[in-house]
Amino acid sequence: MSARSINMKNLNSSSRIQDIPSQVKDKDLIHRRRRQIVDAAVRLFIEKGFHKTTTREIARASGISTGLLYEYVSTKEDVLYLVCDAIHAEVEAAVAEAVQRVSGGRNVLAAMVREYFLVCHRMSDHILLVYQETRALPEPWRQRVLENEVKLTNIFVKALEGLARSGEMPPSAKPSLELIAHTITVLGHMWTFRRWFLSRRYTIEDYIRLQTDFILGKSTAPSSIGQLEKEKP
């Protein structure tokens, strides 16, 4: 199973770098080395599993010595946390870019969904890995990963709130904004978990089109219950 290289440019900030202590002071060098380490580790975690992979193997696959690896991370759990954080950063960047690029309420939401699903498609192996191995993280970092999931969902909540303010969403849908946002994030992950079946019947473009129609229908169409109430004699 192949693993795509993670785009870690969004980790190159003081707050993210300081999450994992390093003996090295050069932030650019920390960024480059950790990208090497994470890319190599993901391939090993996918092939062998997190628990069966050793830091020595990660160092060898990264092209550095074990001693040098420990200058940038302290434990194998550090590496797994960096994988989780890199995925969240890439998703956030893709969705934010869609917001800047597209205008119009429904168009913005559709573009956000598309970019999010495409990242889930590109990073399917990595997302599956995170779901399987997050339990191996220390409790504070597990909480941080969950907080990042909620942070991502809140981006969609804000987009849906924009639709509500502009009148493009019926009043009956407004109490469900948070639930709709969580549905969007779960549908992206569903491609990861069910791709072994879904990819036999749908391309990722088919999946994006059909799920976007479903999401926009749920978030911007009058509810069937409300319609039935109106039609009662």
Protein backbone atom coordinates (compact mmCIF):
# COMPACT_ATOMS: atom_id res chain seq x y z
CA MET A 1 0.00 0.00 0.00
CA SER A 2 1.47 3.33 -1.02
CA ALA A 3 1.44 6.45 1.09
CA ARG A 4 1.19 9.94 -0.30
CA SER A 5 3.58 12.57 0.99
CA ILE A 6 1.92 14.94 3.44
CA ASN A 7 2.03 18.64 2.68
CA MET A 8 3.41 19.91 5.96
CA LYS A 9 3.83 23.57 5.03
CA ASN A 10 1.05 24.49 7.44
CA LEU A 11 3.01 23.00 10.31
CA ASN A 12 5.78 25.54 9.82
CA SER A 13 4.49 27.91 12.49
CA SER A 14 5.72 28.58 16.00
CA SER A 15 2.62 27.22 17.73
CA ARG A 16 2.64 23.91 15.88
CA ILE A 17 6.40 23.42 16.11
CA GLN A 18 6.36 24.01 19.86
CA ASP A 19 3.77 21.27 20.39
CA ILE A 20 6.63 18.78 20.08
CA PRO A 21 9.90 19.89 21.78
CA SER A 22 13.10 19.75 19.71
CA GLN A 23 16.77 20.09 20.53
CA VAL A 24 17.20 22.05 17.28
CA LYS A 25 16.61 25.81 17.21
CA ASP A 26 16.35 26.38 13.45
CA LYS A 27 12.59 26.26 12.72
CA ASP A 28 13.03 25.75 8.99
CA LEU A 29 15.34 22.82 9.62
CA ILE A 30 12.88 21.37 12.14
CA HIS A 31 10.16 21.61 9.50
CA ARG A 32 12.22 19.89 6.78
CA ARG A 33 13.48 17.10 9.02
CA ARG A 34 10.08 16.41 10.51
CA ARG A 35 8.59 16.20 7.06
CA GLN A 36 11.18 13.53 6.20
CA ILE A 37 10.40 11.68 9.40
CA VAL A 38 6.62 11.84 9.05
CA ASP A 39 6.59 10.76 5.40
CA ALA A 40 8.79 7.77 6.19
CA ALA A 41 6.85 6.89 9.33
CA VAL A 42 3.47 6.90 7.58
CA ARG A 43 4.67 4.36 5.05
CA LEU A 44 5.96 2.12 7.84
CA PHE A 45 2.85 2.54 10.01
CA ILE A 46 0.64 1.56 7.07
CA GLU A 47 2.78 -1.42 6.11
CA LYS A 48 3.64 -2.76 9.58
CA GLY A 49 1.32 -1.06 12.04
CA PHE A 50 2.21 1.59 14.59
CA HIS A 51 3.12 -0.79 17.42
CA LYS A 52 5.36 -3.02 15.29
CA THR A 53 7.32 -0.10 13.84
CA THR A 54 10.45 0.95 15.74
CA THR A 55 12.08 4.37 15.92
CA ARG A 56 15.22 2.76 14.48
CA GLU A 57 13.22 1.73 11.39
CA ILE A 58 11.73 5.22 11.10
CA ALA A 59 15.20 6.77 11.25
CA ARG A 60 16.53 4.37 8.61
CA ALA A 61 13.57 5.02 6.28
CA SER A 62 14.04 8.78 6.82
CA GLY A 63 17.69 8.58 5.77
CA ILE A 64 19.02 9.79 9.11
CA SER A 65 20.62 8.22 12.17
CA THR A 66 18.59 7.23 15.22
CA GLY A 67 20.50 9.80 17.27
CA LEU A 68 19.62 12.57 14.81
CA LEU A 69 15.95 11.52 14.82
CA TYR A 70 15.82 12.04 18.58
CA GLU A 71 16.92 15.65 18.09
CA TYR A 72 13.58 16.34 16.35
CA VAL A 73 11.18 14.01 18.18
CA SER A 74 11.36 12.26 21.52
CA THR A 75 9.10 9.26 20.93
CA LYS A 76 7.23 7.34 18.27
CA GLU A 77 4.05 8.91 19.67
CA ASP A 78 5.48 12.33 18.77
CA VAL A 79 5.62 11.21 15.15
CA LEU A 80 2.03 9.94 15.20
CA TYR A 81 0.85 13.25 16.65
CA LEU A 82 2.66 15.11 13.86
CA VAL A 83 0.86 12.92 11.31
CA CYS A 84 -2.52 13.79 12.86
CA ASP A 85 -1.71 17.49 13.00
CA ALA A 86 -0.44 17.56 9.41
CA ILE A 87 -3.66 16.02 8.09
CA HIS A 88 -5.83 18.51 9.95
CA ALA A 89 -3.66 21.39 8.73
CA GLU A 90 -3.93 20.24 5.12
CA VAL A 91 -7.71 19.93 5.32
CA GLU A 92 -8.05 23.37 6.93
CA ALA A 93 -5.83 24.96 4.27
CA ALA A 94 -7.78 23.38 1.38
CA VAL A 95 -11.14 24.44 2.78
CA ALA A 96 -9.93 27.97 3.55
CA GLU A 97 -8.61 28.30 -0.02
CA ALA A 98 -12.03 27.31 -1.36
CA VAL A 99 -13.70 30.03 0.72
CA GLN A 100 -11.32 32.66 -0.70
CA ARG A 101 -11.73 31.44 -4.29
CA VAL A 102 -15.51 31.13 -4.59
CA SER A 103 -18.32 33.62 -3.98
CA GLY A 104 -22.01 32.96 -3.33
CA GLY A 105 -23.45 31.03 -0.40
CA ARG A 106 -24.32 27.67 -1.97
CA ASN A 107 -21.29 27.86 -4.27
CA VAL A 108 -18.97 28.43 -1.31
CA LEU A 109 -20.40 25.48 0.62
CA ALA A 110 -20.16 23.24 -2.47
CA ALA A 111 -16.53 24.29 -3.03
CA MET A 112 -15.66 23.66 0.61
CA VAL A 113 -17.22 20.21 0.48
CA ARG A 114 -15.36 19.42 -2.74
CA GLU A 115 -11.95 20.42 -1.38
CA TYR A 116 -12.57 18.58 1.86
CA PHE A 117 -13.58 15.37 0.07
CA LEU A 118 -10.58 15.62 -2.25
CA VAL A 119 -8.21 15.85 0.73
CA CYS A 120 -9.96 12.85 2.30
CA HIS A 121 -9.43 11.01 -0.99
CA ARG A 122 -5.75 11.93 -1.25
CA MET A 123 -5.09 11.18 2.40
CA SER A 124 -7.28 8.08 2.75
CA ASP A 125 -4.47 5.86 4.03
CA HIS A 126 -3.33 8.48 6.50
CA ILE A 127 -6.83 9.22 7.84
CA LEU A 128 -7.50 5.52 8.31
CA LEU A 129 -4.18 5.22 10.12
CA VAL A 130 -5.10 8.05 12.48
CA TYR A 131 -8.44 6.49 13.35
CA GLN A 132 -6.78 3.15 14.01
CA GLU A 133 -3.87 4.42 16.08
CA THR A 134 -5.00 7.61 17.85
CA ARG A 135 -5.58 5.57 21.00
CA ALA A 136 -1.79 5.14 21.19
CA LEU A 137 -1.35 8.86 21.84
CA PRO A 138 -1.01 10.27 25.36
CA GLU A 139 -4.33 11.58 26.68
CA PRO A 140 -3.57 15.32 26.19
CA TRP A 141 -2.72 14.74 22.53
CA ARG A 142 -5.79 12.56 21.96
CA GLN A 143 -7.82 15.47 23.24
CA ARG A 144 -5.96 17.84 20.93
CA VAL A 145 -6.75 15.61 17.93
CA LEU A 146 -10.44 15.57 18.90
CA GLU A 147 -10.38 19.35 19.31
CA ASN A 148 -8.97 19.67 15.80
CA GLU A 149 -11.84 17.53 14.49
CA VAL A 150 -14.34 19.86 16.16
CA LYS A 151 -12.46 22.88 14.82
CA LEU A 152 -12.80 21.52 11.28
CA THR A 153 -16.52 20.86 11.77
CA ASN A 154 -16.98 24.43 13.00
CA ILE A 155 -15.69 25.73 9.66
CA PHE A 156 -18.69 24.09 8.02
CA VAL A 157 -20.99 25.35 10.80
CA LYS A 158 -19.94 28.92 9.98
CA ALA A 159 -20.57 28.36 6.26
CA LEU A 160 -24.05 27.04 7.04
CA GLU A 161 -24.71 29.99 9.34
CA GLY A 162 -23.84 32.25 6.40
CA LEU A 163 -26.49 30.50 4.32
CA ALA A 164 -29.00 31.00 7.12
CA ARG A 165 -28.24 34.72 7.39
CA SER A 166 -28.58 35.21 3.63
CA GLY A 167 -31.96 33.49 3.57
CA GLU A 168 -30.71 30.59 1.43
CA MET A 169 -31.58 28.13 4.15
CA PRO A 170 -35.15 27.55 5.35
CA PRO A 171 -35.90 28.30 9.01
CA SER A 172 -36.71 24.61 9.57
CA ALA A 173 -33.06 23.70 8.89
CA LYS A 174 -31.49 26.21 11.28
CA PRO A 175 -31.69 24.07 14.44
CA SER A 176 -29.77 21.35 12.56
CA LEU A 177 -26.72 23.38 11.48
CA GLU A 178 -24.26 21.61 13.76
CA LEU A 179 -25.66 18.20 12.85
CA ILE A 180 -25.40 18.99 9.12
CA ALA A 181 -21.78 20.11 9.61
CA HIS A 182 -20.92 16.87 11.40
CA THR A 183 -22.63 14.96 8.60
CA ILE A 184 -20.33 16.65 6.07
CA THR A 185 -17.18 15.68 7.97
CA VAL A 186 -18.39 12.10 8.43
CA LEU A 187 -19.27 11.76 4.73
CA GLY A 188 -15.70 12.73 3.88
CA HIS A 189 -14.38 10.03 6.20
CA MET A 190 -16.88 7.52 4.81
CA TRP A 191 -14.95 7.55 1.53
CA THR A 192 -11.89 6.53 3.55
CA PHE A 193 -13.61 3.73 5.44
CA ARG A 194 -15.74 2.36 2.57
CA ARG A 195 -13.54 3.06 -0.44
CA TRP A 196 -12.88 -0.68 -0.80
CA PHE A 197 -16.54 -0.94 -1.83
CA LEU A 198 -17.48 2.54 -3.06
CA SER A 199 -14.56 2.84 -5.49
CA ARG A 200 -15.90 -0.16 -7.41
CA ARG A 201 -19.05 1.79 -8.25
CA TYR A 202 -18.13 5.46 -8.06
CA THR A 203 -15.19 7.66 -8.93
CA ILE A 204 -14.27 10.32 -6.39
CA GLU A 205 -15.89 12.88 -8.73
CA ASP A 206 -19.13 10.84 -8.72
CA TYR A 207 -18.99 10.66 -4.95
CA ILE A 208 -18.42 14.40 -4.57
CA ARG A 209 -21.27 15.26 -6.96
CA LEU A 210 -23.81 12.92 -5.37
CA GLN A 211 -22.93 13.80 -1.78
CA THR A 212 -22.86 17.52 -2.53
CA ASP A 213 -26.36 17.29 -4.01
CA PHE A 214 -27.44 15.45 -0.86
CA ILE A 215 -25.83 18.00 1.48
CA LEU A 216 -27.18 21.04 -0.37
CA GLY A 217 -30.61 19.43 -0.53
CA LYS A 218 -30.63 18.84 3.20
CA SER A 219 -29.31 22.26 4.11
CA THR A 220 -31.18 24.49 1.63
CA ALA A 221 -34.41 22.69 0.74
CA PRO A 222 -37.60 23.00 2.84
CA SER A 223 -37.98 20.00 5.10
CA SER A 224 -40.51 17.39 4.04
CA ILE A 225 -42.09 17.54 7.51
CA GLY A 226 -42.61 21.27 7.19
CA GLN A 227 -44.06 20.82 3.74
CA LEU A 228 -46.51 18.20 4.96
CA GLU A 229 -47.60 20.50 7.77
CA LYS A 230 -48.36 23.22 5.22
CA GLU A 231 -50.40 20.83 3.08
CA LYS A 232 -52.64 19.68 5.94
CA PRO A 233 -56.24 20.90 5.49
